[in-house]
Amino acid sequence: MATSCLTNRLQHYVVLTDREAEFIAQMEKDERSLTRRTPICTAGQASGDLMLLKYGWAVVRGASLRNRRPILRIYLAGEIIGLAEISRKEVLHSIYMQTDGAICPFPRNMVPELYRTVPRLAALLTALESSDHLRTREQLQVATRATAAEKIAYLLLSLHNRLSLAGGVESKRFRLPFSQAELGDVVGLTPVYINRILQDLREGHLIDYADHHVSIPDVEQLRSQLSFTPMSTEMDTDWFPPPDTA
């Protein structure tokens, strides 16, 4: 059986115990295939199960404004949908599959069981959710202070960093399953502007982009240029409890 994307992500930080691996297997046991653009949940509906994105991409869409619906968050394989919204009884934003893929729903009452039976795994998932919130802060700063080209470059670096945890980057190259209009929905720019920026980044040899695939020839150079902090691959684990203790 192939290693799951969630396991790949987590093993970047710790070596999972058998007990932790078994808990993850329970989270993944109910797998449901979904096609591109299928709604995972709709704004206003009652909150239900949490969902592990087993494979594929998903997006959180905001309310329509001037016939455009902003993309507020991108979920990648191995990430858990619903943790950020667990405090609410109703879904705040609609979430859709961006590509074909699969989700693994699991009940909310597994969360207290997680903290009770595998506390180190609970600490790790909490830390990953914290990293997501810190990344959102960084993105807000970029949105208010950066140039249009820097916004796109930052987005690509962030996706590269996150995908590298789950094996989604091959030789610095990764799939980017978004149209230019959809990229505009992520960063708040028009499709025409997105096209021009991608051309400029290519001509500056900062990225290669063709057929919905991106490669970054010199990741470290671009990180330095943007003062990019790799939230997904840098984490303090010193405070984690020992594995398999109650």
C-alpha atoms as a PDB file:
ATOM      1  CA  MET A   1       0.000   0.000   0.000  1.00  0.00           C
ATOM      2  CA  ALA A   2       1.356   3.443  -0.921  1.00  0.00           C
ATOM      3  CA  THR A   3       2.271   5.793   1.895  1.00  0.00           C
ATOM      4  CA  SER A   4      -0.397   8.449   2.364  1.00  0.00           C
ATOM      5  CA  CYS A   5       0.294  12.129   1.724  1.00  0.00           C
ATOM      6  CA  LEU A   6      -0.621  12.895   5.346  1.00  0.00           C
ATOM      7  CA  THR A   7       1.943  10.367   6.570  1.00  0.00           C
ATOM      8  CA  ASN A   8       4.555  11.867   4.236  1.00  0.00           C
ATOM      9  CA  ARG A   9       3.846  15.326   5.660  1.00  0.00           C
ATOM     10  CA  LEU A  10       4.038  14.206   9.280  1.00  0.00           C
ATOM     11  CA  GLN A  11       7.180  12.126   8.856  1.00  0.00           C
ATOM     12  CA  HIS A  12       9.030  15.254   7.800  1.00  0.00           C
ATOM     13  CA  TYR A  13       8.948  16.185  11.501  1.00  0.00           C
ATOM     14  CA  VAL A  14       8.761  12.912  13.470  1.00  0.00           C
ATOM     15  CA  VAL A  15       9.016   9.165  13.007  1.00  0.00           C
ATOM     16  CA  LEU A  16       5.482   7.924  13.524  1.00  0.00           C
ATOM     17  CA  THR A  17       4.869   5.115  15.987  1.00  0.00           C
ATOM     18  CA  ASP A  18       2.657   2.145  15.159  1.00  0.00           C
ATOM     19  CA  ARG A  19      -0.066   3.596  17.360  1.00  0.00           C
ATOM     20  CA  GLU A  20       0.071   6.954  15.562  1.00  0.00           C
ATOM     21  CA  ALA A  21       0.060   5.249  12.160  1.00  0.00           C
ATOM     22  CA  GLU A  22      -2.983   3.215  13.197  1.00  0.00           C
ATOM     23  CA  PHE A  23      -4.838   6.370  14.219  1.00  0.00           C
ATOM     24  CA  ILE A  24      -4.085   7.937  10.833  1.00  0.00           C
ATOM     25  CA  ALA A  25      -5.338   4.775   9.134  1.00  0.00           C
ATOM     26  CA  GLN A  26      -8.625   5.201  11.013  1.00  0.00           C
ATOM     27  CA  MET A  27      -8.861   8.777   9.720  1.00  0.00           C
ATOM     28  CA  GLU A  28      -8.332   7.537   6.165  1.00  0.00           C
ATOM     29  CA  LYS A  29     -10.515   4.420   6.148  1.00  0.00           C
ATOM     30  CA  ASP A  30     -13.578   6.006   4.467  1.00  0.00           C
ATOM     31  CA  GLU A  31     -12.278   7.232   1.109  1.00  0.00           C
ATOM     32  CA  ARG A  32     -14.621   9.003  -1.315  1.00  0.00           C
ATOM     33  CA  SER A  33     -13.637   9.996  -4.844  1.00  0.00           C
ATOM     34  CA  LEU A  34     -14.737  13.418  -6.094  1.00  0.00           C
ATOM     35  CA  THR A  35     -14.473  15.092  -9.477  1.00  0.00           C
ATOM     36  CA  ARG A  36     -13.202  18.562 -10.268  1.00  0.00           C
ATOM     37  CA  ARG A  37     -15.441  21.438  -9.077  1.00  0.00           C
ATOM     38  CA  THR A  38     -17.539  19.186  -6.841  1.00  0.00           C
ATOM     39  CA  PRO A  39     -18.586  21.073  -3.684  1.00  0.00           C
ATOM     40  CA  ILE A  40     -17.170  19.508  -0.529  1.00  0.00           C
ATOM     41  CA  CYS A  41     -19.290  21.742   1.688  1.00  0.00           C
ATOM     42  CA  THR A  42     -21.446  24.808   1.092  1.00  0.00           C
ATOM     43  CA  ALA A  43     -21.621  28.047   3.063  1.00  0.00           C
ATOM     44  CA  GLY A  44     -24.526  28.010   5.501  1.00  0.00           C
ATOM     45  CA  GLN A  45     -24.881  24.263   5.846  1.00  0.00           C
ATOM     46  CA  ALA A  46     -24.470  22.608   9.248  1.00  0.00           C
ATOM     47  CA  SER A  47     -20.878  21.749  10.081  1.00  0.00           C
ATOM     48  CA  GLY A  48     -20.250  18.036   9.967  1.00  0.00           C
ATOM     49  CA  ASP A  49     -17.279  15.742   9.619  1.00  0.00           C
ATOM     50  CA  LEU A  50     -13.702  16.854   9.257  1.00  0.00           C
ATOM     51  CA  MET A  51     -12.083  15.671   6.031  1.00  0.00           C
ATOM     52  CA  LEU A  52      -8.623  14.574   5.095  1.00  0.00           C
ATOM     53  CA  LEU A  53      -7.804  15.499   1.500  1.00  0.00           C
ATOM     54  CA  LYS A  54      -6.352  12.161   0.395  1.00  0.00           C
ATOM     55  CA  TYR A  55      -5.268  13.372  -3.025  1.00  0.00           C
ATOM     56  CA  GLY A  56      -6.014  16.275  -5.348  1.00  0.00           C
ATOM     57  CA  TRP A  57      -6.420  19.996  -4.657  1.00  0.00           C
ATOM     58  CA  ALA A  58      -9.323  21.884  -3.067  1.00  0.00           C
ATOM     59  CA  VAL A  59     -10.103  25.587  -2.644  1.00  0.00           C
ATOM     60  CA  VAL A  60     -12.093  27.742  -0.236  1.00  0.00           C
ATOM     61  CA  ARG A  61     -14.205  30.300  -2.095  1.00  0.00           C
ATOM     62  CA  GLY A  62     -15.488  33.573  -0.650  1.00  0.00           C
ATOM     63  CA  ALA A  63     -18.736  35.349  -1.474  1.00  0.00           C
ATOM     64  CA  SER A  64     -19.180  36.698  -5.001  1.00  0.00           C
ATOM     65  CA  LEU A  65     -18.041  40.286  -5.507  1.00  0.00           C
ATOM     66  CA  ARG A  66     -18.409  41.918  -8.927  1.00  0.00           C
ATOM     67  CA  ASN A  67     -18.970  38.478 -10.495  1.00  0.00           C
ATOM     68  CA  ARG A  68     -15.756  37.078  -9.005  1.00  0.00           C
ATOM     69  CA  ARG A  69     -15.376  34.742  -6.052  1.00  0.00           C
ATOM     70  CA  PRO A  70     -12.015  35.068  -4.314  1.00  0.00           C
ATOM     71  CA  ILE A  71     -10.037  31.968  -3.436  1.00  0.00           C
ATOM     72  CA  LEU A  72      -9.331  32.312   0.282  1.00  0.00           C
ATOM     73  CA  ARG A  73      -7.332  29.148   0.838  1.00  0.00           C
ATOM     74  CA  ILE A  74      -5.831  26.283  -1.129  1.00  0.00           C
ATOM     75  CA  TYR A  75      -5.831  22.770   0.338  1.00  0.00           C
ATOM     76  CA  LEU A  76      -3.260  20.231  -0.808  1.00  0.00           C
ATOM     77  CA  ALA A  77      -3.129  16.451  -0.497  1.00  0.00           C
ATOM     78  CA  GLY A  78      -2.438  15.387   3.069  1.00  0.00           C
ATOM     79  CA  GLU A  79      -4.095  18.439   4.649  1.00  0.00           C
ATOM     80  CA  ILE A  80      -7.167  18.357   6.884  1.00  0.00           C
ATOM     81  CA  ILE A  81     -10.233  20.338   5.864  1.00  0.00           C
ATOM     82  CA  GLY A  82     -12.355  21.679   8.697  1.00  0.00           C
ATOM     83  CA  LEU A  83      -9.897  22.167  11.560  1.00  0.00           C
ATOM     84  CA  ALA A  84      -9.887  25.929  11.029  1.00  0.00           C
ATOM     85  CA  GLU A  85     -13.703  25.949  11.175  1.00  0.00           C
ATOM     86  CA  ILE A  86     -14.200  23.473  14.024  1.00  0.00           C
ATOM     87  CA  SER A  87     -15.461  26.189  16.405  1.00  0.00           C
ATOM     88  CA  ARG A  88     -18.493  26.934  14.208  1.00  0.00           C
ATOM     89  CA  LYS A  89     -21.831  25.122  13.924  1.00  0.00           C
ATOM     90  CA  GLU A  90     -22.317  26.348  10.343  1.00  0.00           C
ATOM     91  CA  VAL A  91     -19.952  26.344   7.394  1.00  0.00           C
ATOM     92  CA  LEU A  92     -18.713  29.888   6.751  1.00  0.00           C
ATOM     93  CA  HIS A  93     -17.231  29.470   3.253  1.00  0.00           C
ATOM     94  CA  SER A  94     -17.868  26.998   0.453  1.00  0.00           C
ATOM     95  CA  ILE A  95     -15.105  24.526  -0.376  1.00  0.00           C
ATOM     96  CA  TYR A  96     -14.729  22.874  -3.792  1.00  0.00           C
ATOM     97  CA  MET A  97     -12.465  20.321  -5.392  1.00  0.00           C
ATOM     98  CA  GLN A  98     -10.084  22.150  -7.700  1.00  0.00           C
ATOM     99  CA  THR A  99      -9.046  18.873  -9.334  1.00  0.00           C
ATOM    100  CA  ASP A 100     -10.260  15.307  -9.342  1.00  0.00           C
ATOM    101  CA  GLY A 101      -9.344  13.749  -6.020  1.00  0.00           C
ATOM    102  CA  ALA A 102     -10.542  12.011  -2.890  1.00  0.00           C
ATOM    103  CA  ILE A 103     -11.484  12.957   0.643  1.00  0.00           C
ATOM    104  CA  CYS A 104     -11.635  10.857   3.800  1.00  0.00           C
ATOM    105  CA  PRO A 105     -14.357  12.145   6.156  1.00  0.00           C
ATOM    106  CA  PHE A 106     -13.977  11.414   9.851  1.00  0.00           C
ATOM    107  CA  PRO A 107     -16.176  12.504  12.783  1.00  0.00           C
ATOM    108  CA  ARG A 108     -15.352  15.491  14.957  1.00  0.00           C
ATOM    109  CA  ASN A 109     -15.378  13.308  18.048  1.00  0.00           C
ATOM    110  CA  MET A 110     -12.105  11.796  16.822  1.00  0.00           C
ATOM    111  CA  VAL A 111     -10.409  15.079  17.785  1.00  0.00           C
ATOM    112  CA  PRO A 112     -10.705  14.644  21.584  1.00  0.00           C
ATOM    113  CA  GLU A 113      -9.764  10.983  21.082  1.00  0.00           C
ATOM    114  CA  LEU A 114      -6.688  12.178  19.192  1.00  0.00           C
ATOM    115  CA  TYR A 115      -5.544  14.330  22.129  1.00  0.00           C
ATOM    116  CA  ARG A 116      -6.314  11.566  24.628  1.00  0.00           C
ATOM    117  CA  THR A 117      -4.722   8.563  22.923  1.00  0.00           C
ATOM    118  CA  VAL A 118      -1.935   9.944  20.684  1.00  0.00           C
ATOM    119  CA  PRO A 119      -0.989  13.328  22.205  1.00  0.00           C
ATOM    120  CA  ARG A 120       2.197  13.755  20.172  1.00  0.00           C
ATOM    121  CA  LEU A 121       0.241  13.339  16.938  1.00  0.00           C
ATOM    122  CA  ALA A 122      -2.299  15.837  18.287  1.00  0.00           C
ATOM    123  CA  ALA A 123       0.511  18.301  19.050  1.00  0.00           C
ATOM    124  CA  LEU A 124       1.910  17.884  15.539  1.00  0.00           C
ATOM    125  CA  LEU A 125      -1.445  18.492  13.842  1.00  0.00           C
ATOM    126  CA  THR A 126      -1.992  21.522  16.097  1.00  0.00           C
ATOM    127  CA  ALA A 127       1.429  22.871  15.117  1.00  0.00           C
ATOM    128  CA  LEU A 128       0.656  22.365  11.426  1.00  0.00           C
ATOM    129  CA  GLU A 129      -2.595  24.301  11.807  1.00  0.00           C
ATOM    130  CA  SER A 130      -0.613  27.041  13.582  1.00  0.00           C
ATOM    131  CA  SER A 131       1.771  27.156  10.611  1.00  0.00           C
ATOM    132  CA  ASP A 132      -1.224  27.644   8.318  1.00  0.00           C
ATOM    133  CA  HIS A 133      -2.381  30.632  10.370  1.00  0.00           C
ATOM    134  CA  LEU A 134       1.119  32.152  10.364  1.00  0.00           C
ATOM    135  CA  ARG A 135       1.291  31.666   6.604  1.00  0.00           C
ATOM    136  CA  THR A 136      -2.020  33.529   6.296  1.00  0.00           C
ATOM    137  CA  ARG A 137      -0.499  36.464   8.197  1.00  0.00           C
ATOM    138  CA  GLU A 138       2.463  36.489   5.856  1.00  0.00           C
ATOM    139  CA  GLN A 139       0.134  36.403   2.858  1.00  0.00           C
ATOM    140  CA  LEU A 140      -1.823  39.369   4.227  1.00  0.00           C
ATOM    141  CA  GLN A 141       1.403  41.302   4.578  1.00  0.00           C
ATOM    142  CA  VAL A 142       2.392  40.403   1.029  1.00  0.00           C
ATOM    143  CA  ALA A 143      -1.074  41.387  -0.223  1.00  0.00           C
ATOM    144  CA  THR A 144      -0.798  44.870   1.288  1.00  0.00           C
ATOM    145  CA  ARG A 145       2.880  45.680   0.672  1.00  0.00           C
ATOM    146  CA  ALA A 146       4.248  43.622  -2.209  1.00  0.00           C
ATOM    147  CA  THR A 147       4.261  44.313  -5.926  1.00  0.00           C
ATOM    148  CA  ALA A 148       2.046  42.227  -8.184  1.00  0.00           C
ATOM    149  CA  ALA A 149       5.035  40.145  -9.323  1.00  0.00           C
ATOM    150  CA  GLU A 150       6.070  39.538  -5.712  1.00  0.00           C
ATOM    151  CA  LYS A 151       2.551  38.340  -4.874  1.00  0.00           C
ATOM    152  CA  ILE A 152       2.676  35.693  -7.597  1.00  0.00           C
ATOM    153  CA  ALA A 153       6.248  34.673  -6.766  1.00  0.00           C
ATOM    154  CA  TYR A 154       5.338  34.360  -3.088  1.00  0.00           C
ATOM    155  CA  LEU A 155       2.326  32.189  -3.912  1.00  0.00           C
ATOM    156  CA  LEU A 156       4.451  29.863  -6.049  1.00  0.00           C
ATOM    157  CA  LEU A 157       7.144  29.597  -3.365  1.00  0.00           C
ATOM    158  CA  SER A 158       4.532  28.852  -0.722  1.00  0.00           C
ATOM    159  CA  LEU A 159       2.955  26.097  -2.831  1.00  0.00           C
ATOM    160  CA  HIS A 160       6.388  24.655  -3.616  1.00  0.00           C
ATOM    161  CA  ASN A 161       7.222  24.587   0.102  1.00  0.00           C
ATOM    162  CA  ARG A 162       3.945  22.886   1.050  1.00  0.00           C
ATOM    163  CA  LEU A 163       3.991  20.389  -1.816  1.00  0.00           C
ATOM    164  CA  SER A 164       7.546  19.324  -0.997  1.00  0.00           C
ATOM    165  CA  LEU A 165       6.275  17.802   2.270  1.00  0.00           C
ATOM    166  CA  ALA A 166       3.874  15.424   0.554  1.00  0.00           C
ATOM    167  CA  GLY A 167       6.016  14.434  -2.409  1.00  0.00           C
ATOM    168  CA  GLY A 168       4.299  16.815  -4.829  1.00  0.00           C
ATOM    169  CA  VAL A 169       7.502  18.354  -6.205  1.00  0.00           C
ATOM    170  CA  GLU A 170       9.661  16.509  -8.715  1.00  0.00           C
ATOM    171  CA  SER A 171      13.031  18.061  -9.571  1.00  0.00           C
ATOM    172  CA  LYS A 172      11.810  21.539  -8.526  1.00  0.00           C
ATOM    173  CA  ARG A 173       8.763  21.145 -10.793  1.00  0.00           C
ATOM    174  CA  PHE A 174       5.140  20.939  -9.693  1.00  0.00           C
ATOM    175  CA  ARG A 175       1.677  21.003 -11.179  1.00  0.00           C
ATOM    176  CA  LEU A 176      -0.343  24.225 -10.834  1.00  0.00           C
ATOM    177  CA  PRO A 177      -3.982  23.322 -11.656  1.00  0.00           C
ATOM    178  CA  PHE A 178      -5.306  26.871 -11.976  1.00  0.00           C
ATOM    179  CA  SER A 179      -6.287  29.007 -14.929  1.00  0.00           C
ATOM    180  CA  GLN A 180      -4.887  32.529 -15.040  1.00  0.00           C
ATOM    181  CA  ALA A 181      -8.315  33.808 -13.990  1.00  0.00           C
ATOM    182  CA  GLU A 182      -8.222  31.497 -10.962  1.00  0.00           C
ATOM    183  CA  LEU A 183      -4.716  32.645 -10.057  1.00  0.00           C
ATOM    184  CA  GLY A 184      -6.156  36.150 -10.173  1.00  0.00           C
ATOM    185  CA  ASP A 185      -8.837  35.027  -7.711  1.00  0.00           C
ATOM    186  CA  VAL A 186      -6.080  33.905  -5.329  1.00  0.00           C
ATOM    187  CA  VAL A 187      -4.050  37.120  -5.357  1.00  0.00           C
ATOM    188  CA  GLY A 188      -6.677  39.684  -6.372  1.00  0.00           C
ATOM    189  CA  LEU A 189      -5.408  40.531  -9.866  1.00  0.00           C
ATOM    190  CA  THR A 190      -6.961  40.416 -13.339  1.00  0.00           C
ATOM    191  CA  PRO A 191      -6.170  37.529 -15.731  1.00  0.00           C
ATOM    192  CA  VAL A 192      -4.468  39.941 -18.153  1.00  0.00           C
ATOM    193  CA  TYR A 193      -2.188  41.147 -15.379  1.00  0.00           C
ATOM    194  CA  ILE A 194      -1.453  37.569 -14.294  1.00  0.00           C
ATOM    195  CA  ASN A 195      -0.400  36.675 -17.846  1.00  0.00           C
ATOM    196  CA  ARG A 196       1.964  39.655 -18.009  1.00  0.00           C
ATOM    197  CA  ILE A 197       3.515  38.850 -14.625  1.00  0.00           C
ATOM    198  CA  LEU A 198       4.109  35.204 -15.527  1.00  0.00           C
ATOM    199  CA  GLN A 199       5.851  36.340 -18.709  1.00  0.00           C
ATOM    200  CA  ASP A 200       8.024  38.757 -16.708  1.00  0.00           C
ATOM    201  CA  LEU A 201       8.957  36.058 -14.186  1.00  0.00           C
ATOM    202  CA  ARG A 202       9.868  33.688 -17.028  1.00  0.00           C
ATOM    203  CA  GLU A 203      11.952  36.320 -18.798  1.00  0.00           C
ATOM    204  CA  GLY A 204      13.722  37.077 -15.522  1.00  0.00           C
ATOM    205  CA  HIS A 205      14.563  33.345 -15.195  1.00  0.00           C
ATOM    206  CA  LEU A 206      12.852  33.250 -11.798  1.00  0.00           C
ATOM    207  CA  ILE A 207      10.339  30.583 -12.866  1.00  0.00           C
ATOM    208  CA  ASP A 208       9.502  28.348 -15.796  1.00  0.00           C
ATOM    209  CA  TYR A 209       5.783  28.005 -16.504  1.00  0.00           C
ATOM    210  CA  ALA A 210       4.159  25.899 -19.208  1.00  0.00           C
ATOM    211  CA  ASP A 211       1.138  23.594 -19.489  1.00  0.00           C
ATOM    212  CA  HIS A 212       0.053  24.280 -15.896  1.00  0.00           C
ATOM    213  CA  HIS A 213       3.425  23.205 -14.512  1.00  0.00           C
ATOM    214  CA  VAL A 214       5.859  25.441 -12.638  1.00  0.00           C
ATOM    215  CA  SER A 215       9.536  25.011 -11.911  1.00  0.00           C
ATOM    216  CA  ILE A 216      11.693  27.341  -9.835  1.00  0.00           C
ATOM    217  CA  PRO A 217      15.307  27.098 -11.050  1.00  0.00           C
ATOM    218  CA  ASP A 218      16.851  28.640  -7.921  1.00  0.00           C
ATOM    219  CA  VAL A 219      14.530  28.295  -4.943  1.00  0.00           C
ATOM    220  CA  GLU A 220      17.005  29.729  -2.434  1.00  0.00           C
ATOM    221  CA  GLN A 221      17.634  32.824  -4.544  1.00  0.00           C
ATOM    222  CA  LEU A 222      13.919  33.551  -4.852  1.00  0.00           C
ATOM    223  CA  ARG A 223      13.403  32.947  -1.127  1.00  0.00           C
ATOM    224  CA  SER A 224      16.154  35.412  -0.313  1.00  0.00           C
ATOM    225  CA  GLN A 225      14.813  37.954  -2.769  1.00  0.00           C
ATOM    226  CA  LEU A 226      11.355  37.836  -1.156  1.00  0.00           C
ATOM    227  CA  SER A 227      12.526  37.290   2.464  1.00  0.00           C
ATOM    228  CA  PHE A 228      10.361  34.176   2.335  1.00  0.00           C
ATOM    229  CA  THR A 229       9.929  32.136   5.527  1.00  0.00           C
ATOM    230  CA  PRO A 230       9.275  28.436   4.772  1.00  0.00           C
ATOM    231  CA  MET A 231       6.485  27.934   7.319  1.00  0.00           C
ATOM    232  CA  SER A 232       5.730  24.364   6.286  1.00  0.00           C
ATOM    233  CA  THR A 233       9.238  22.925   6.626  1.00  0.00           C
ATOM    234  CA  GLU A 234      10.437  24.808   9.712  1.00  0.00           C
ATOM    235  CA  MET A 235       8.803  23.826  13.004  1.00  0.00           C
ATOM    236  CA  ASP A 236       9.749  23.762  16.685  1.00  0.00           C
ATOM    237  CA  THR A 237       8.948  20.271  17.982  1.00  0.00           C
ATOM    238  CA  ASP A 238      10.822  20.521  21.298  1.00  0.00           C
ATOM    239  CA  TRP A 239       7.589  21.030  23.236  1.00  0.00           C
ATOM    240  CA  PHE A 240       5.921  17.890  21.881  1.00  0.00           C
ATOM    241  CA  PRO A 241       5.104  15.191  24.463  1.00  0.00           C
ATOM    242  CA  PRO A 242       6.852  11.825  24.165  1.00  0.00           C
ATOM    243  CA  PRO A 243       5.156   9.454  21.713  1.00  0.00           C
ATOM    244  CA  ASP A 244       2.375   7.148  22.881  1.00  0.00           C
ATOM    245  CA  THR A 245       1.871   8.691  26.322  1.00  0.00           C
ATOM    246  CA  ALA A 246      -1.483   9.719  27.769  1.00  0.00           C
END
